[in-house]
Amino acid sequence: MDLSVRVNPVLDVARESAHAVDATASFPAQTVTTLRESGLLGLTLPTEVGGLGGGPQDLVNVMSSLAGACGSTAMIYLMHVSAAMSVAAAPPPGLPDLLPGMASGDKLGSLAFSEAGSRSHFWAPV
């Protein structure tokens, strides 16, 4: 899958804002908007829910490019994709109504593995 048409506009925005995002510890809102518009937030989700149906190599390629442009954007993207893949892998009925919104970027996912009081540590499953 050639994702360069989708990835390159995101990289342009990410590179332009990376220094300011890091210097001010701010959320890269414009880059996330560009990610949403690119369709890459649904990269690993099935086409049946509006995703791109990409595989592991596609994810590695996109992550590598994003990480080279803006570390904050890469982390946000990884958290979203990981959350989306977790939702997609949930046993039926899972959360099928959530997947189209995650694929389109209307819903931005994240993970909270070590938040205080969450009991969601890998070593202490709920």
C-alpha atoms as a PDB file:
ATOM      1  CA  MET A   1       0.000   0.000   0.000  1.00  0.00           C
ATOM      2  CA  ASP A   2       1.518   3.337  -1.045  1.00  0.00           C
ATOM      3  CA  LEU A   3       0.585   5.763   1.700  1.00  0.00           C
ATOM      4  CA  SER A   4       2.820   8.653   0.644  1.00  0.00           C
ATOM      5  CA  VAL A   5      -0.105  10.738  -0.658  1.00  0.00           C
ATOM      6  CA  ARG A   6      -1.693  10.459   2.790  1.00  0.00           C
ATOM      7  CA  VAL A   7       1.475  10.719   4.879  1.00  0.00           C
ATOM      8  CA  ASN A   8       3.335  13.583   3.194  1.00  0.00           C
ATOM      9  CA  PRO A   9       0.838  16.372   4.029  1.00  0.00           C
ATOM     10  CA  VAL A  10       0.863  15.228   7.671  1.00  0.00           C
ATOM     11  CA  LEU A  11       4.655  15.264   7.740  1.00  0.00           C
ATOM     12  CA  ASP A  12       4.740  18.789   6.328  1.00  0.00           C
ATOM     13  CA  VAL A  13       2.508  20.100   9.124  1.00  0.00           C
ATOM     14  CA  ALA A  14       4.245  18.017  11.806  1.00  0.00           C
ATOM     15  CA  ARG A  15       7.715  19.221  10.846  1.00  0.00           C
ATOM     16  CA  GLU A  16       6.584  22.828  10.786  1.00  0.00           C
ATOM     17  CA  SER A  17       5.112  22.693  14.285  1.00  0.00           C
ATOM     18  CA  ALA A  18       7.336  20.129  16.053  1.00  0.00           C
ATOM     19  CA  HIS A  19       9.692  22.625  17.695  1.00  0.00           C
ATOM     20  CA  ALA A  20       6.853  24.797  19.024  1.00  0.00           C
ATOM     21  CA  VAL A  21       4.934  21.736  20.244  1.00  0.00           C
ATOM     22  CA  ASP A  22       7.984  20.536  22.171  1.00  0.00           C
ATOM     23  CA  ALA A  23       9.015  23.981  23.436  1.00  0.00           C
ATOM     24  CA  THR A  24       5.555  24.793  24.786  1.00  0.00           C
ATOM     25  CA  ALA A  25       4.471  21.255  25.725  1.00  0.00           C
ATOM     26  CA  SER A  26       1.342  21.786  23.651  1.00  0.00           C
ATOM     27  CA  PHE A  27      -0.996  19.426  21.825  1.00  0.00           C
ATOM     28  CA  PRO A  28      -0.272  19.384  18.063  1.00  0.00           C
ATOM     29  CA  ALA A  29      -3.868  20.194  17.126  1.00  0.00           C
ATOM     30  CA  GLN A  30      -3.201  21.162  13.511  1.00  0.00           C
ATOM     31  CA  THR A  31      -1.176  18.014  12.893  1.00  0.00           C
ATOM     32  CA  VAL A  32      -3.908  15.838  14.412  1.00  0.00           C
ATOM     33  CA  THR A  33      -6.457  17.614  12.201  1.00  0.00           C
ATOM     34  CA  THR A  34      -4.277  16.819   9.191  1.00  0.00           C
ATOM     35  CA  LEU A  35      -4.000  13.188  10.363  1.00  0.00           C
ATOM     36  CA  ARG A  36      -7.795  13.066  10.574  1.00  0.00           C
ATOM     37  CA  GLU A  37      -8.158  14.496   7.068  1.00  0.00           C
ATOM     38  CA  SER A  38      -5.598  12.016   5.689  1.00  0.00           C
ATOM     39  CA  GLY A  39      -7.557   8.948   6.781  1.00  0.00           C
ATOM     40  CA  LEU A  40      -4.499   7.563   8.561  1.00  0.00           C
ATOM     41  CA  LEU A  41      -6.297   7.375  11.911  1.00  0.00           C
ATOM     42  CA  GLY A  42      -8.098   4.367  10.426  1.00  0.00           C
ATOM     43  CA  LEU A  43      -4.971   2.803   8.940  1.00  0.00           C
ATOM     44  CA  THR A  44      -5.190  -0.540  10.735  1.00  0.00           C
ATOM     45  CA  LEU A  45      -8.967  -0.799  10.961  1.00  0.00           C
ATOM     46  CA  PRO A  46     -10.955  -2.931   8.520  1.00  0.00           C
ATOM     47  CA  THR A  47     -12.426  -1.312   5.438  1.00  0.00           C
ATOM     48  CA  GLU A  48     -15.868  -2.497   6.602  1.00  0.00           C
ATOM     49  CA  VAL A  49     -15.809   0.166   9.330  1.00  0.00           C
ATOM     50  CA  GLY A  50     -14.232   2.868   7.179  1.00  0.00           C
ATOM     51  CA  GLY A  51     -10.603   2.019   7.852  1.00  0.00           C
ATOM     52  CA  LEU A  52      -7.836   1.507   5.326  1.00  0.00           C
ATOM     53  CA  GLY A  53      -7.247  -2.172   6.141  1.00  0.00           C
ATOM     54  CA  GLY A  54      -3.498  -1.661   6.510  1.00  0.00           C
ATOM     55  CA  GLY A  55      -1.190  -4.195   8.080  1.00  0.00           C
ATOM     56  CA  PRO A  56       1.775  -4.160  10.446  1.00  0.00           C
ATOM     57  CA  GLN A  57       4.296  -3.009   7.832  1.00  0.00           C
ATOM     58  CA  ASP A  58       2.058  -0.084   6.870  1.00  0.00           C
ATOM     59  CA  LEU A  59       1.859   0.934  10.526  1.00  0.00           C
ATOM     60  CA  VAL A  60       5.631   0.662  10.979  1.00  0.00           C
ATOM     61  CA  ASN A  61       6.240   2.801   7.901  1.00  0.00           C
ATOM     62  CA  VAL A  62       3.809   5.518   8.999  1.00  0.00           C
ATOM     63  CA  MET A  63       5.079   5.484  12.593  1.00  0.00           C
ATOM     64  CA  SER A  64       8.686   5.770  11.452  1.00  0.00           C
ATOM     65  CA  SER A  65       7.859   8.760   9.270  1.00  0.00           C
ATOM     66  CA  LEU A  66       5.827  10.486  11.982  1.00  0.00           C
ATOM     67  CA  ALA A  67       8.479   9.898  14.639  1.00  0.00           C
ATOM     68  CA  GLY A  68      11.066  11.520  12.403  1.00  0.00           C
ATOM     69  CA  ALA A  69       8.878  14.590  12.009  1.00  0.00           C
ATOM     70  CA  CYS A  70       7.366  15.096  15.490  1.00  0.00           C
ATOM     71  CA  GLY A  71       7.691  12.780  18.471  1.00  0.00           C
ATOM     72  CA  SER A  72       4.529  14.113  20.116  1.00  0.00           C
ATOM     73  CA  THR A  73       2.452  13.468  17.014  1.00  0.00           C
ATOM     74  CA  ALA A  74       3.907   9.968  16.696  1.00  0.00           C
ATOM     75  CA  MET A  75       2.966   9.153  20.300  1.00  0.00           C
ATOM     76  CA  ILE A  76      -0.578  10.485  19.877  1.00  0.00           C
ATOM     77  CA  TYR A  77      -0.930   8.466  16.678  1.00  0.00           C
ATOM     78  CA  LEU A  78       0.391   5.282  18.309  1.00  0.00           C
ATOM     79  CA  MET A  79      -1.987   5.654  21.257  1.00  0.00           C
ATOM     80  CA  HIS A  80      -4.956   6.157  18.914  1.00  0.00           C
ATOM     81  CA  VAL A  81      -4.065   3.226  16.663  1.00  0.00           C
ATOM     82  CA  SER A  82      -3.433   0.971  19.676  1.00  0.00           C
ATOM     83  CA  ALA A  83      -6.769   1.907  21.232  1.00  0.00           C
ATOM     84  CA  ALA A  84      -8.579   1.420  17.919  1.00  0.00           C
ATOM     85  CA  MET A  85      -7.006  -2.000  17.416  1.00  0.00           C
ATOM     86  CA  SER A  86      -7.954  -2.981  20.972  1.00  0.00           C
ATOM     87  CA  VAL A  87     -11.563  -1.975  20.344  1.00  0.00           C
ATOM     88  CA  ALA A  88     -11.567  -3.842  17.024  1.00  0.00           C
ATOM     89  CA  ALA A  89     -10.240  -6.990  18.716  1.00  0.00           C
ATOM     90  CA  ALA A  90     -12.791  -6.922  21.557  1.00  0.00           C
ATOM     91  CA  PRO A  91     -15.011  -9.993  21.650  1.00  0.00           C
ATOM     92  CA  PRO A  92     -18.556  -9.565  20.368  1.00  0.00           C
ATOM     93  CA  PRO A  93     -20.398  -7.407  20.885  1.00  0.00           C
ATOM     94  CA  GLY A  94     -17.290  -5.286  21.591  1.00  0.00           C
ATOM     95  CA  LEU A  95     -17.790  -1.668  20.681  1.00  0.00           C
ATOM     96  CA  PRO A  96     -18.734  -1.815  16.980  1.00  0.00           C
ATOM     97  CA  ASP A  97     -20.448   1.582  17.082  1.00  0.00           C
ATOM     98  CA  LEU A  98     -17.171   3.205  18.113  1.00  0.00           C
ATOM     99  CA  LEU A  99     -15.035   1.881  15.241  1.00  0.00           C
ATOM    100  CA  PRO A 100     -16.330   4.060  12.367  1.00  0.00           C
ATOM    101  CA  GLY A 101     -15.701   7.186  14.462  1.00  0.00           C
ATOM    102  CA  MET A 102     -12.203   5.984  15.317  1.00  0.00           C
ATOM    103  CA  ALA A 103     -11.504   5.194  11.650  1.00  0.00           C
ATOM    104  CA  SER A 104     -12.644   8.639  10.511  1.00  0.00           C
ATOM    105  CA  GLY A 105     -10.953  10.453  13.364  1.00  0.00           C
ATOM    106  CA  ASP A 106     -14.200  11.790  14.790  1.00  0.00           C
ATOM    107  CA  LYS A 107     -13.187   9.872  17.928  1.00  0.00           C
ATOM    108  CA  LEU A 108      -9.562  10.132  19.039  1.00  0.00           C
ATOM    109  CA  GLY A 109      -8.520   7.185  21.175  1.00  0.00           C
ATOM    110  CA  SER A 110      -5.829   6.816  23.789  1.00  0.00           C
ATOM    111  CA  LEU A 111      -4.705   4.371  26.456  1.00  0.00           C
ATOM    112  CA  ALA A 112      -4.214   4.822  30.192  1.00  0.00           C
ATOM    113  CA  PHE A 113      -2.103   1.919  31.374  1.00  0.00           C
ATOM    114  CA  SER A 114      -0.620   3.511  34.459  1.00  0.00           C
ATOM    115  CA  GLU A 115      -2.950   6.256  35.590  1.00  0.00           C
ATOM    116  CA  ALA A 116      -3.148   6.474  39.376  1.00  0.00           C
ATOM    117  CA  GLY A 117      -6.029   4.454  40.746  1.00  0.00           C
ATOM    118  CA  SER A 118      -6.877   2.815  37.418  1.00  0.00           C
ATOM    119  CA  ARG A 119      -5.603  -0.632  38.385  1.00  0.00           C
ATOM    120  CA  SER A 120      -4.719  -0.978  34.721  1.00  0.00           C
ATOM    121  CA  HIS A 121      -1.044  -1.800  35.174  1.00  0.00           C
ATOM    122  CA  PHE A 122       0.061  -4.754  33.067  1.00  0.00           C
ATOM    123  CA  TRP A 123       1.318  -6.432  36.225  1.00  0.00           C
ATOM    124  CA  ALA A 124      -1.959  -5.900  38.101  1.00  0.00           C
ATOM    125  CA  PRO A 125      -4.821  -6.705  35.732  1.00  0.00           C
ATOM    126  CA  VAL A 126      -8.309  -5.642  36.687  1.00  0.00           C
END
